[in-house]
Amino acid sequence: MLITLRQWPRRRRPNTTGSRTVPPPVVSDSQWNLIKDLFANPSPSPEGGRPRADSRACLEGVLWVLRTGAQWKELPERYPSYSTCWRRHKEWTESGVLVEAWRRLVEKLDRRGLVKWDQAAGDGTFSPA
């Protein structure tokens, strides 16, 4: 028995068409310029292989999951695959890249007088002692 596909399965790719349905990026261009050296895309391997997904697109996907509280598998198709975004989140968390990016962005806001440290609040996970 021969099994064939009537059509090729759709591939998950980020939407880069600029459609009106695509929300604006969470990280503005000026913010990205401040932190993009932390998220540098590595050079392609001399052995070839699949190129890595764009770091800014992965960061947007990570921020979407963190902002919405959704599961990684619910990541919309406009971002790279959920496994890629999860893997980058893990890499960036373990290497301290996300904390450094946050520090740079908060320092910029603080220099402009937009952070009121006496009114800051933190969010955390509560667990029994």
Protein backbone atom coordinates (compact mmCIF):
# COMPACT_ATOMS: atom_id res chain seq x y z
CA MET A 1 0.00 0.00 0.00
CA LEU A 2 1.43 3.36 -1.04
CA ILE A 3 0.81 6.33 1.25
CA THR A 4 1.32 9.77 -0.22
CA LEU A 5 0.79 13.30 1.00
CA ARG A 6 -1.83 15.34 -0.84
CA GLN A 7 0.07 18.45 0.16
CA TRP A 8 3.21 19.23 2.09
CA PRO A 9 2.74 19.96 5.80
CA ARG A 10 2.88 23.64 6.67
CA ARG A 11 6.15 24.86 8.15
CA ARG A 12 6.16 27.12 11.16
CA ARG A 13 7.77 30.39 10.16
CA PRO A 14 7.57 33.81 11.76
CA ASN A 15 5.28 36.27 10.02
CA THR A 16 7.53 38.94 8.56
CA THR A 17 5.05 40.47 6.13
CA GLY A 18 4.13 43.46 8.30
CA SER A 19 0.46 42.54 8.35
CA ARG A 20 -1.91 44.71 10.36
CA THR A 21 -2.77 41.67 12.47
CA VAL A 22 0.79 41.34 13.73
CA PRO A 23 1.22 43.29 16.96
CA PRO A 24 4.12 45.72 17.26
CA PRO A 25 7.28 44.29 18.80
CA VAL A 26 7.60 44.35 22.57
CA VAL A 27 11.20 45.49 22.32
CA SER A 28 11.45 48.78 20.41
CA ASP A 29 14.27 49.45 17.97
CA SER A 30 16.01 51.81 20.41
CA GLN A 31 15.78 49.21 23.19
CA TRP A 32 17.05 46.50 20.85
CA ASN A 33 20.03 48.66 19.84
CA LEU A 34 20.93 48.93 23.53
CA ILE A 35 20.97 45.16 24.14
CA LYS A 36 21.53 43.50 20.75
CA ASP A 37 25.23 42.82 21.41
CA LEU A 38 24.14 40.44 24.20
CA PHE A 39 22.01 38.42 21.78
CA ALA A 40 24.49 38.24 18.89
CA ASN A 41 23.68 35.67 16.24
CA PRO A 42 26.59 33.23 15.93
CA SER A 43 28.41 32.86 12.63
CA PRO A 44 27.26 29.99 10.42
CA SER A 45 29.10 26.76 10.99
CA PRO A 46 31.78 25.94 8.39
CA GLU A 47 30.28 22.44 8.21
CA GLY A 48 26.98 23.93 7.08
CA GLY A 49 23.68 23.02 8.63
CA ARG A 50 20.54 24.88 9.43
CA PRO A 51 21.01 28.55 10.33
CA ARG A 52 19.92 29.61 13.81
CA ALA A 53 16.69 31.52 14.24
CA ASP A 54 16.97 35.28 14.62
CA SER A 55 17.74 36.28 18.21
CA ARG A 56 15.34 39.23 18.26
CA ALA A 57 12.46 37.03 17.07
CA CYS A 58 13.32 34.47 19.77
CA LEU A 59 13.46 37.20 22.42
CA GLU A 60 10.03 38.43 21.32
CA GLY A 61 8.73 34.86 21.64
CA VAL A 62 10.24 34.46 25.11
CA LEU A 63 8.75 37.78 26.23
CA TRP A 64 5.35 36.74 24.85
CA VAL A 65 5.38 33.58 26.99
CA LEU A 66 6.58 35.48 30.08
CA ARG A 67 4.03 38.26 29.60
CA THR A 68 1.02 36.01 28.93
CA GLY A 69 1.88 33.14 31.26
CA ALA A 70 0.95 30.74 28.45
CA GLN A 71 2.58 27.39 27.84
CA TRP A 72 5.45 27.25 25.38
CA LYS A 73 3.40 25.11 22.98
CA GLU A 74 0.85 27.95 22.71
CA LEU A 75 3.42 30.30 21.17
CA PRO A 76 1.84 31.92 18.06
CA GLU A 77 3.27 31.05 14.65
CA ARG A 78 4.62 34.57 14.12
CA TYR A 79 7.51 33.60 16.42
CA PRO A 80 10.14 30.87 15.89
CA SER A 81 9.17 27.41 17.13
CA TYR A 82 8.40 27.01 20.81
CA SER A 83 11.30 24.59 21.27
CA THR A 84 13.74 27.11 19.78
CA CYS A 85 12.43 29.93 21.99
CA TRP A 86 12.49 27.69 25.07
CA ARG A 87 16.07 26.60 24.33
CA ARG A 88 17.21 30.22 23.86
CA HIS A 89 15.43 31.23 27.08
CA LYS A 90 17.31 28.47 28.90
CA GLU A 91 20.66 29.51 27.36
CA TRP A 92 20.12 33.19 28.11
CA THR A 93 18.95 32.54 31.68
CA GLU A 94 21.86 30.25 32.53
CA SER A 95 24.43 32.63 31.02
CA GLY A 96 22.95 35.73 32.69
CA VAL A 97 22.12 37.45 29.40
CA LEU A 98 18.49 38.19 30.33
CA VAL A 99 19.49 39.75 33.65
CA GLU A 100 22.11 41.93 31.93
CA ALA A 101 19.58 43.04 29.29
CA TRP A 102 17.08 43.91 32.03
CA ARG A 103 19.79 45.84 33.93
CA ARG A 104 20.72 47.90 30.87
CA LEU A 105 17.11 48.76 30.09
CA VAL A 106 16.30 49.70 33.69
CA GLU A 107 19.44 51.88 33.90
CA LYS A 108 18.32 53.75 30.79
CA LEU A 109 14.90 54.37 32.34
CA ASP A 110 16.49 55.39 35.64
CA ARG A 111 18.77 57.94 33.92
CA ARG A 112 15.66 59.48 32.38
CA GLY A 113 13.99 59.63 35.81
CA LEU A 114 11.26 57.15 34.89
CA VAL A 115 11.88 54.65 37.70
CA LYS A 116 10.48 55.39 41.16
CA TRP A 117 12.45 53.06 43.38
CA ASP A 118 10.38 53.87 46.48
CA GLN A 119 7.31 52.46 44.71
CA ALA A 120 8.88 49.36 43.17
CA ALA A 121 7.19 46.01 43.73
CA GLY A 122 8.35 42.48 43.04
CA ASP A 123 6.49 39.38 42.05
CA GLY A 124 7.50 35.94 43.13
CA THR A 125 6.46 32.40 43.76
CA PHE A 126 5.21 31.52 47.20
CA SER A 127 6.02 28.15 48.66
CA PRO A 128 5.80 26.67 52.14
CA ALA A 129 8.84 27.12 54.34
